[in-house]
């Protein structure tokens, strides 16, 4: 069975679940069958791929992401160093703030600390442990979504950020 029809574009593809949900990789979200972009895509003779997974309960966003990884979309986890370095390159934090994380492993950059400080005590502790004590930053970690949303980043922006960070050597 072929998972993708041609021409496959991992950044603009649709998956159809057993229970009728339609997922768009272009928006990284569910869309309605009446969605204009989905309708235009189908009008080109393209057909949604079956949503990977075994049954609707197991058909999650993660099962789609796993199918797209070999195509470089979306990105995977990045090192803590790549995360803070890319934040500095993107101008979200300063280079000094990025380096300060490694100087003492107790200080988060101000923009991140503002977001963390607004969390519940348990969530803030989890975020600090993840960002100050971890080795990697997971693309799907709740802290990534919370922080990036606070910076007005869309899911596509977040994926682009992680791909750029992953390319840093």
N, C-alpha and C. Protein backbone atom coordinates (compact mmCIF):
# COMPACT_ATOMS: atom_id res chain seq x y z
N UNK A 1 0.85 -1.18 0.00
CA UNK A 1 0.00 0.00 0.00
C UNK A 1 0.89 1.24 0.00
N UNK A 2 0.58 2.18 -0.86
CA UNK A 2 1.31 3.44 -0.91
C UNK A 2 0.67 4.42 0.04
N UNK A 3 1.47 4.98 0.93
CA UNK A 3 0.95 5.92 1.90
C UNK A 3 0.66 7.27 1.27
N UNK A 4 1.51 7.70 0.32
CA UNK A 4 1.37 9.02 -0.28
C UNK A 4 1.18 8.89 -1.78
N UNK A 5 0.24 9.67 -2.33
CA UNK A 5 0.12 9.75 -3.78
C UNK A 5 1.10 10.81 -4.26
N UNK A 6 1.31 10.88 -5.54
CA UNK A 6 2.25 11.87 -6.07
C UNK A 6 1.47 13.07 -6.58
N UNK A 7 2.00 14.24 -6.54
CA UNK A 7 3.30 14.60 -5.96
C UNK A 7 3.16 14.87 -4.47
N UNK A 8 3.92 14.16 -3.68
CA UNK A 8 3.84 14.30 -2.24
C UNK A 8 4.62 15.52 -1.77
N UNK A 9 3.97 16.36 -0.97
CA UNK A 9 4.62 17.52 -0.36
C UNK A 9 4.34 17.44 1.14
N UNK A 10 5.34 17.08 1.95
CA UNK A 10 5.07 16.90 3.39
C UNK A 10 4.62 18.18 4.08
N UNK A 11 4.88 19.34 3.48
CA UNK A 11 4.47 20.60 4.11
C UNK A 11 3.06 21.00 3.71
N UNK A 12 2.44 20.24 2.82
CA UNK A 12 1.06 20.51 2.42
C UNK A 12 0.40 19.19 2.04
N UNK A 13 0.02 18.44 3.06
CA UNK A 13 -0.59 17.14 2.83
C UNK A 13 -1.73 16.95 3.82
N UNK A 14 -2.61 16.03 3.52
CA UNK A 14 -3.77 15.76 4.36
C UNK A 14 -3.85 14.28 4.68
N UNK A 15 -4.34 14.01 5.88
CA UNK A 15 -4.56 12.64 6.34
C UNK A 15 -6.00 12.51 6.79
N UNK A 16 -6.61 11.37 6.46
CA UNK A 16 -8.00 11.09 6.81
C UNK A 16 -8.03 9.94 7.81
N UNK A 17 -8.64 10.21 8.99
CA UNK A 17 -8.72 9.18 10.03
C UNK A 17 -9.92 8.28 9.79
N UNK A 18 -9.94 7.18 10.51
CA UNK A 18 -11.05 6.23 10.39
C UNK A 18 -12.37 6.85 10.82
N UNK A 19 -12.32 7.83 11.74
CA UNK A 19 -13.56 8.46 12.19
C UNK A 19 -13.89 9.76 11.44
N UNK A 20 -13.18 10.01 10.33
CA UNK A 20 -13.51 11.14 9.47
C UNK A 20 -12.76 12.44 9.73
N UNK A 21 -11.88 12.45 10.73
CA UNK A 21 -11.10 13.67 10.96
C UNK A 21 -10.11 13.86 9.82
N UNK A 22 -9.86 15.12 9.49
CA UNK A 22 -8.91 15.45 8.44
C UNK A 22 -7.82 16.32 9.06
N UNK A 23 -6.57 15.90 8.87
CA UNK A 23 -5.44 16.64 9.44
C UNK A 23 -4.62 17.23 8.31
N UNK A 24 -4.27 18.50 8.45
CA UNK A 24 -3.47 19.22 7.47
C UNK A 24 -2.05 19.43 8.00
N UNK A 25 -1.05 19.04 7.21
CA UNK A 25 0.33 19.33 7.62
C UNK A 25 0.66 20.80 7.35
N UNK A 26 -0.08 21.45 6.48
CA UNK A 26 0.17 22.87 6.19
C UNK A 26 -0.15 23.74 7.41
N UNK A 27 -1.21 23.38 8.12
CA UNK A 27 -1.59 24.17 9.30
C UNK A 27 -1.27 23.45 10.59
N UNK A 28 -0.84 22.18 10.48
CA UNK A 28 -0.55 21.33 11.64
C UNK A 28 -1.76 21.27 12.57
N UNK A 29 -2.93 21.10 11.96
CA UNK A 29 -4.16 21.05 12.74
C UNK A 29 -5.24 20.30 11.97
N UNK A 30 -6.34 20.04 12.67
CA UNK A 30 -7.50 19.44 12.03
C UNK A 30 -8.20 20.50 11.17
N UNK A 31 -8.76 20.07 10.06
CA UNK A 31 -9.54 20.97 9.20
C UNK A 31 -10.87 20.30 8.86
N UNK A 32 -11.82 21.10 8.49
CA UNK A 32 -13.13 20.58 8.07
C UNK A 32 -13.05 20.15 6.60
N UNK A 33 -13.92 19.23 6.24
CA UNK A 33 -13.97 18.79 4.84
C UNK A 33 -14.31 19.96 3.92
N UNK A 34 -14.97 20.98 4.46
CA UNK A 34 -15.35 22.15 3.67
C UNK A 34 -14.26 23.21 3.61
N UNK A 35 -13.11 22.98 4.27
CA UNK A 35 -12.01 23.94 4.28
C UNK A 35 -11.59 24.26 2.85
N UNK A 36 -11.48 25.56 2.53
CA UNK A 36 -11.17 26.00 1.17
C UNK A 36 -9.84 25.46 0.67
N UNK A 37 -8.82 25.46 1.52
CA UNK A 37 -7.51 24.96 1.10
C UNK A 37 -7.57 23.46 0.83
N UNK A 38 -8.31 22.73 1.67
CA UNK A 38 -8.45 21.29 1.45
C UNK A 38 -9.20 21.03 0.15
N UNK A 39 -10.26 21.78 -0.09
CA UNK A 39 -11.02 21.62 -1.33
C UNK A 39 -10.15 21.91 -2.56
N UNK A 40 -9.34 22.98 -2.49
CA UNK A 40 -8.45 23.32 -3.61
C UNK A 40 -7.41 22.22 -3.83
N UNK A 41 -6.90 21.68 -2.75
CA UNK A 41 -5.91 20.61 -2.83
C UNK A 41 -6.52 19.38 -3.50
N UNK A 42 -7.73 19.02 -3.09
CA UNK A 42 -8.41 17.86 -3.68
C UNK A 42 -8.72 18.10 -5.16
N UNK A 43 -9.01 19.35 -5.53
CA UNK A 43 -9.35 19.65 -6.92
C UNK A 43 -8.16 19.40 -7.85
N UNK A 44 -6.96 19.26 -7.30
CA UNK A 44 -5.78 18.93 -8.11
C UNK A 44 -5.65 17.42 -8.30
N UNK A 45 -6.68 16.68 -7.85
CA UNK A 45 -6.67 15.23 -8.01
C UNK A 45 -5.94 14.50 -6.89
N UNK A 46 -5.61 15.22 -5.82
CA UNK A 46 -4.90 14.60 -4.71
C UNK A 46 -5.89 14.00 -3.72
N UNK A 47 -5.47 12.93 -3.07
CA UNK A 47 -6.32 12.19 -2.14
C UNK A 47 -5.61 12.10 -0.79
N UNK A 48 -6.34 12.38 0.29
CA UNK A 48 -5.69 12.28 1.60
C UNK A 48 -5.18 10.86 1.86
N UNK A 49 -4.05 10.79 2.53
CA UNK A 49 -3.51 9.49 2.92
C UNK A 49 -4.27 8.99 4.14
N UNK A 50 -4.32 7.67 4.31
CA UNK A 50 -4.92 7.14 5.55
C UNK A 50 -4.10 7.63 6.74
N UNK A 51 -4.81 8.05 7.77
CA UNK A 51 -4.14 8.51 8.99
C UNK A 51 -3.46 7.32 9.63
N UNK A 52 -2.14 7.35 9.82
CA UNK A 52 -1.45 6.20 10.43
C UNK A 52 -1.97 5.92 11.83
N UNK A 53 -1.92 4.70 12.21
CA UNK A 53 -2.37 4.30 13.54
C UNK A 53 -3.39 3.20 13.43
N UNK A 54 -3.67 2.58 14.55
CA UNK A 54 -4.57 1.46 14.57
C UNK A 54 -5.85 1.87 15.30
N UNK A 55 -6.81 2.35 14.57
CA UNK A 55 -8.06 2.80 15.17
C UNK A 55 -8.00 4.26 15.56
N UNK A 56 -9.16 4.91 15.58
CA UNK A 56 -9.24 6.34 15.83
C UNK A 56 -8.55 6.77 17.12
N UNK A 57 -8.63 5.94 18.16
CA UNK A 57 -8.02 6.31 19.44
C UNK A 57 -6.50 6.37 19.34
N UNK A 58 -5.93 5.62 18.41
CA UNK A 58 -4.49 5.60 18.23
C UNK A 58 -4.02 6.49 17.08
N UNK A 59 -4.94 7.18 16.44
CA UNK A 59 -4.58 8.05 15.33
C UNK A 59 -4.39 9.46 15.88
N UNK A 60 -3.15 9.74 16.24
CA UNK A 60 -2.81 11.00 16.87
C UNK A 60 -1.90 11.82 15.96
N UNK A 61 -1.68 13.07 16.35
CA UNK A 61 -0.75 13.92 15.62
C UNK A 61 0.64 13.29 15.59
N UNK A 62 1.02 12.63 16.67
CA UNK A 62 2.34 12.00 16.73
C UNK A 62 2.49 10.89 15.69
N UNK A 63 1.41 10.15 15.40
CA UNK A 63 1.53 9.09 14.40
C UNK A 63 1.74 9.69 13.01
N UNK A 64 1.19 10.87 12.77
CA UNK A 64 1.42 11.55 11.49
C UNK A 64 2.86 12.05 11.44
N UNK A 65 3.29 12.72 12.50
CA UNK A 65 4.66 13.25 12.54
C UNK A 65 5.68 12.13 12.30
N UNK A 66 5.45 10.96 12.88
CA UNK A 66 6.38 9.86 12.71
C UNK A 66 6.50 9.46 11.24
N UNK A 67 5.42 9.52 10.49
CA UNK A 67 5.45 9.18 9.07
C UNK A 67 6.20 10.22 8.25
N UNK A 68 6.22 11.46 8.72
CA UNK A 68 6.81 12.55 7.96
C UNK A 68 8.29 12.80 8.26
N UNK A 69 8.78 12.24 9.36
CA UNK A 69 10.17 12.47 9.76
C UNK A 69 11.16 12.11 8.65
N UNK A 70 11.00 10.97 7.95
CA UNK A 70 11.97 10.65 6.89
C UNK A 70 12.02 11.71 5.78
N UNK A 71 10.99 12.52 5.68
CA UNK A 71 10.94 13.58 4.67
C UNK A 71 11.44 14.92 5.21
N UNK A 72 11.95 14.90 6.43
CA UNK A 72 12.45 16.13 7.03
C UNK A 72 11.36 17.04 7.56
N UNK A 73 10.17 16.49 7.73
CA UNK A 73 9.05 17.30 8.19
C UNK A 73 8.23 16.50 9.16
N UNK A 74 7.81 16.94 10.26
CA UNK A 74 8.43 18.10 10.88
C UNK A 74 9.75 17.69 11.48
N UNK A 75 10.29 18.52 12.29
CA UNK A 75 11.61 18.28 12.82
C UNK A 75 11.55 17.45 14.10
N UNK A 76 12.70 17.01 14.50
CA UNK A 76 12.79 16.25 15.73
C UNK A 76 13.27 17.10 16.89
N UNK A 77 13.70 16.41 17.94
CA UNK A 77 14.20 17.10 19.12
C UNK A 77 15.55 17.75 18.80
N UNK A 78 15.90 18.76 19.57
CA UNK A 78 17.17 19.46 19.41
C UNK A 78 17.88 19.49 20.76
N UNK A 79 19.18 19.74 20.73
CA UNK A 79 19.92 19.83 21.98
C UNK A 79 19.57 21.14 22.67
N UNK A 80 19.81 21.17 23.95
CA UNK A 80 19.57 22.40 24.72
C UNK A 80 20.41 23.54 24.16
N UNK A 81 21.65 23.24 23.79
CA UNK A 81 22.53 24.26 23.21
C UNK A 81 21.94 24.80 21.91
N UNK A 82 21.46 23.92 21.03
CA UNK A 82 20.86 24.36 19.77
C UNK A 82 19.64 25.24 20.03
N UNK A 83 18.84 24.89 21.03
CA UNK A 83 17.64 25.66 21.36
C UNK A 83 18.00 27.09 21.75
N UNK A 84 18.91 27.24 22.71
CA UNK A 84 19.25 28.59 23.16
C UNK A 84 20.04 29.36 22.11
N UNK A 85 20.87 28.66 21.36
CA UNK A 85 21.62 29.34 20.29
C UNK A 85 20.65 29.86 19.22
N UNK A 86 19.66 29.04 18.84
CA UNK A 86 18.71 29.48 17.82
C UNK A 86 17.83 30.61 18.34
N UNK A 87 17.47 30.59 19.63
CA UNK A 87 16.72 31.71 20.20
C UNK A 87 17.51 33.01 20.04
N UNK A 88 18.83 32.94 20.26
CA UNK A 88 19.67 34.13 20.11
C UNK A 88 19.79 34.54 18.65
N UNK A 89 19.98 33.58 17.76
CA UNK A 89 20.08 33.89 16.33
C UNK A 89 18.79 34.54 15.84
N UNK A 90 17.65 34.05 16.34
CA UNK A 90 16.35 34.59 15.93
C UNK A 90 16.04 35.94 16.59
N UNK A 91 16.89 36.36 17.53
CA UNK A 91 16.68 37.64 18.19
C UNK A 91 15.63 37.61 19.29
N UNK A 92 15.25 36.41 19.71
CA UNK A 92 14.25 36.27 20.77
C UNK A 92 14.90 36.52 22.13
N UNK A 93 16.13 36.07 22.28
CA UNK A 93 16.92 36.37 23.47
C UNK A 93 18.26 36.91 22.98
N UNK A 94 19.06 37.45 23.89
CA UNK A 94 20.38 37.95 23.51
C UNK A 94 21.41 36.81 23.56
N UNK A 95 22.54 37.04 22.92
CA UNK A 95 23.62 36.07 22.99
C UNK A 95 24.09 35.91 24.43
N UNK A 96 24.15 37.00 25.16
CA UNK A 96 24.56 36.93 26.57
C UNK A 96 23.60 36.08 27.38
N UNK A 97 22.29 36.20 27.11
CA UNK A 97 21.31 35.37 27.83
C UNK A 97 21.50 33.90 27.50
N UNK A 98 21.78 33.61 26.22
CA UNK A 98 22.00 32.21 25.82
C UNK A 98 23.22 31.65 26.55
N UNK A 99 24.29 32.42 26.60
CA UNK A 99 25.50 31.96 27.28
C UNK A 99 25.31 31.85 28.79
N UNK A 100 24.49 32.72 29.36
CA UNK A 100 24.26 32.71 30.81
C UNK A 100 23.63 31.40 31.28
N UNK A 101 22.84 30.79 30.43
CA UNK A 101 22.24 29.50 30.80
C UNK A 101 23.34 28.50 31.13
N UNK A 102 24.44 28.55 30.38
CA UNK A 102 25.53 27.61 30.61
C UNK A 102 26.49 28.06 31.71
N UNK A 103 26.51 29.34 31.99
CA UNK A 103 27.39 29.84 33.05
C UNK A 103 26.99 29.30 34.42
N UNK A 104 25.68 29.27 34.68
CA UNK A 104 25.28 28.86 36.03
C UNK A 104 24.17 27.83 36.07
N UNK A 105 23.56 27.53 34.94
CA UNK A 105 22.48 26.55 34.86
C UNK A 105 21.36 26.80 35.87
N UNK A 106 21.20 28.08 36.25
CA UNK A 106 20.12 28.42 37.17
C UNK A 106 19.30 29.61 36.68
N UNK A 107 19.71 30.22 35.58
CA UNK A 107 19.06 31.44 35.12
C UNK A 107 18.48 31.24 33.73
N UNK A 108 17.19 31.43 33.61
CA UNK A 108 16.55 31.40 32.31
C UNK A 108 16.55 32.81 31.72
N UNK A 109 16.60 32.92 30.40
CA UNK A 109 16.47 34.24 29.78
C UNK A 109 15.16 34.91 30.20
N UNK A 110 15.17 36.24 30.26
CA UNK A 110 14.03 37.00 30.80
C UNK A 110 12.70 36.66 30.13
N UNK A 111 12.67 36.54 28.80
CA UNK A 111 11.40 36.24 28.12
C UNK A 111 10.86 34.87 28.52
N UNK A 112 11.74 33.93 28.71
CA UNK A 112 11.31 32.59 29.13
C UNK A 112 10.89 32.61 30.59
N UNK A 113 11.65 33.29 31.42
CA UNK A 113 11.33 33.37 32.85
C UNK A 113 9.96 34.01 33.06
N UNK A 114 9.62 35.01 32.28
CA UNK A 114 8.30 35.66 32.40
C UNK A 114 7.18 34.65 32.16
N UNK A 115 7.35 33.81 31.16
CA UNK A 115 6.34 32.79 30.86
C UNK A 115 6.30 31.74 31.97
N UNK A 116 7.45 31.29 32.41
CA UNK A 116 7.53 30.26 33.45
C UNK A 116 6.94 30.78 34.76
N UNK A 117 7.23 32.03 35.10
CA UNK A 117 6.74 32.60 36.36
C UNK A 117 5.22 32.67 36.41
N UNK A 118 4.57 32.69 35.27
CA UNK A 118 3.11 32.76 35.22
C UNK A 118 2.46 31.39 35.37
N UNK A 119 3.25 30.34 35.40
CA UNK A 119 2.73 28.97 35.50
C UNK A 119 2.46 28.61 36.95
N UNK A 120 1.73 27.51 37.12
CA UNK A 120 1.56 26.96 38.47
C UNK A 120 2.93 26.54 38.98
N UNK A 121 3.08 26.40 40.28
CA UNK A 121 4.37 26.04 40.88
C UNK A 121 4.91 24.73 40.29
N UNK A 122 4.05 23.72 40.16
CA UNK A 122 4.50 22.43 39.63
C UNK A 122 4.92 22.53 38.17
N UNK A 123 4.13 23.25 37.36
CA UNK A 123 4.47 23.40 35.94
C UNK A 123 5.74 24.22 35.78
N UNK A 124 5.91 25.25 36.61
CA UNK A 124 7.12 26.07 36.54
C UNK A 124 8.35 25.24 36.90
N UNK A 125 8.22 24.40 37.91
CA UNK A 125 9.33 23.53 38.30
C UNK A 125 9.69 22.59 37.14
N UNK A 126 8.68 21.98 36.53
CA UNK A 126 8.89 21.09 35.39
C UNK A 126 9.60 21.83 34.25
N UNK A 127 9.14 23.03 33.96
CA UNK A 127 9.73 23.81 32.87
C UNK A 127 11.19 24.14 33.17
N UNK A 128 11.46 24.56 34.38
CA UNK A 128 12.85 24.89 34.75
C UNK A 128 13.75 23.65 34.69
N UNK A 129 13.26 22.53 35.18
CA UNK A 129 14.04 21.29 35.12
C UNK A 129 14.33 20.91 33.67
N UNK A 130 13.31 21.06 32.84
CA UNK A 130 13.45 20.71 31.42
C UNK A 130 14.47 21.62 30.73
N UNK A 131 14.37 22.91 31.00
CA UNK A 131 15.21 23.87 30.28
C UNK A 131 16.58 24.12 30.90
N UNK A 132 16.72 23.84 32.16
CA UNK A 132 18.02 24.06 32.81
C UNK A 132 18.78 22.77 33.08
N UNK A 133 18.05 21.67 33.18
CA UNK A 133 18.70 20.42 33.52
C UNK A 133 18.66 19.36 32.44
N UNK A 134 17.92 19.61 31.40
CA UNK A 134 17.78 18.62 30.35
C UNK A 134 18.93 18.62 29.37
N UNK A 135 18.93 17.64 28.51
CA UNK A 135 19.92 17.55 27.44
C UNK A 135 19.33 17.92 26.09
N UNK A 136 18.02 17.69 25.96
CA UNK A 136 17.35 17.98 24.69
C UNK A 136 16.09 18.80 24.95
N UNK A 137 15.60 19.41 23.90
CA UNK A 137 14.33 20.12 23.94
C UNK A 137 13.42 19.40 22.96
N UNK A 138 12.32 18.89 23.46
CA UNK A 138 11.38 18.12 22.65
C UNK A 138 10.43 19.07 21.94
N UNK A 139 10.27 18.89 20.65
CA UNK A 139 9.39 19.75 19.84
C UNK A 139 7.99 19.81 20.41
N UNK A 140 7.51 18.70 20.93
CA UNK A 140 6.13 18.63 21.41
C UNK A 140 5.99 18.83 22.91
N UNK A 141 7.06 19.26 23.59
CA UNK A 141 6.95 19.49 25.03
C UNK A 141 6.00 20.66 25.27
N UNK A 142 5.10 20.56 26.24
CA UNK A 142 4.14 21.64 26.50
C UNK A 142 4.81 23.01 26.71
N UNK A 143 5.98 23.03 27.31
CA UNK A 143 6.67 24.30 27.55
C UNK A 143 7.04 24.98 26.23
N UNK A 144 7.42 24.19 25.24
CA UNK A 144 7.77 24.75 23.92
C UNK A 144 6.55 25.44 23.33
N UNK A 145 5.41 24.76 23.39
CA UNK A 145 4.19 25.35 22.83
C UNK A 145 3.80 26.61 23.59
N UNK A 146 3.86 26.57 24.90
CA UNK A 146 3.47 27.74 25.71
C UNK A 146 4.38 28.92 25.42
N UNK A 147 5.71 28.67 25.43
CA UNK A 147 6.63 29.77 25.20
C UNK A 147 6.51 30.32 23.78
N UNK A 148 6.48 29.42 22.79
CA UNK A 148 6.43 29.88 21.40
C UNK A 148 5.12 30.61 21.10
N UNK A 149 4.03 30.16 21.69
CA UNK A 149 2.76 30.87 21.54
C UNK A 149 2.86 32.27 22.13
N UNK A 150 3.57 32.40 23.25
CA UNK A 150 3.75 33.72 23.87
C UNK A 150 4.56 34.64 22.97
N UNK A 151 5.32 34.06 22.04
CA UNK A 151 6.11 34.84 21.09
C UNK A 151 5.41 34.98 19.74
N UNK A 152 4.12 34.64 19.72
CA UNK A 152 3.29 34.72 18.50
C UNK A 152 3.81 33.82 17.37
N UNK A 153 4.37 32.69 17.74
CA UNK A 153 4.84 31.73 16.75
C UNK A 153 3.74 30.71 16.45
N UNK A 154 3.53 30.43 15.19
CA UNK A 154 2.58 29.42 14.77
C UNK A 154 3.25 28.05 14.83
N UNK A 155 2.48 26.96 14.72
CA UNK A 155 3.12 25.64 14.66
C UNK A 155 4.13 25.53 13.53
N UNK A 156 3.86 26.17 12.40
CA UNK A 156 4.81 26.15 11.29
C UNK A 156 6.08 26.92 11.64
N UNK A 157 5.92 28.04 12.35
CA UNK A 157 7.09 28.81 12.80
C UNK A 157 7.93 27.97 13.75
N UNK A 158 7.27 27.24 14.65
CA UNK A 158 7.98 26.41 15.61
C UNK A 158 8.76 25.32 14.88
N UNK A 159 8.14 24.68 13.90
CA UNK A 159 8.84 23.65 13.14
C UNK A 159 10.04 24.25 12.40
N UNK A 160 9.86 25.43 11.80
CA UNK A 160 10.98 26.08 11.10
C UNK A 160 12.10 26.40 12.08
N UNK A 161 11.74 26.87 13.28
CA UNK A 161 12.73 27.15 14.32
C UNK A 161 13.51 25.89 14.66
N UNK A 162 12.80 24.77 14.87
CA UNK A 162 13.47 23.52 15.24
C UNK A 162 14.34 22.99 14.10
N UNK A 163 13.89 23.15 12.86
CA UNK A 163 14.74 22.71 11.74
C UNK A 163 16.01 23.54 11.67
N UNK A 164 15.88 24.87 11.84
CA UNK A 164 17.07 25.74 11.80
C UNK A 164 18.00 25.40 12.96
N UNK A 165 17.45 25.18 14.14
CA UNK A 165 18.28 24.83 15.29
C UNK A 165 18.97 23.48 15.06
N UNK A 166 18.25 22.54 14.49
CA UNK A 166 18.82 21.21 14.23
C UNK A 166 19.96 21.24 13.23
N UNK A 167 20.00 22.28 12.40
CA UNK A 167 21.07 22.41 11.41
C UNK A 167 22.33 23.02 12.00
N UNK A 168 22.25 23.55 13.22
CA UNK A 168 23.43 24.14 13.86
C UNK A 168 24.39 23.04 14.29
N UNK A 169 25.65 23.23 14.02
CA UNK A 169 26.64 22.22 14.42
C UNK A 169 27.53 22.74 15.50
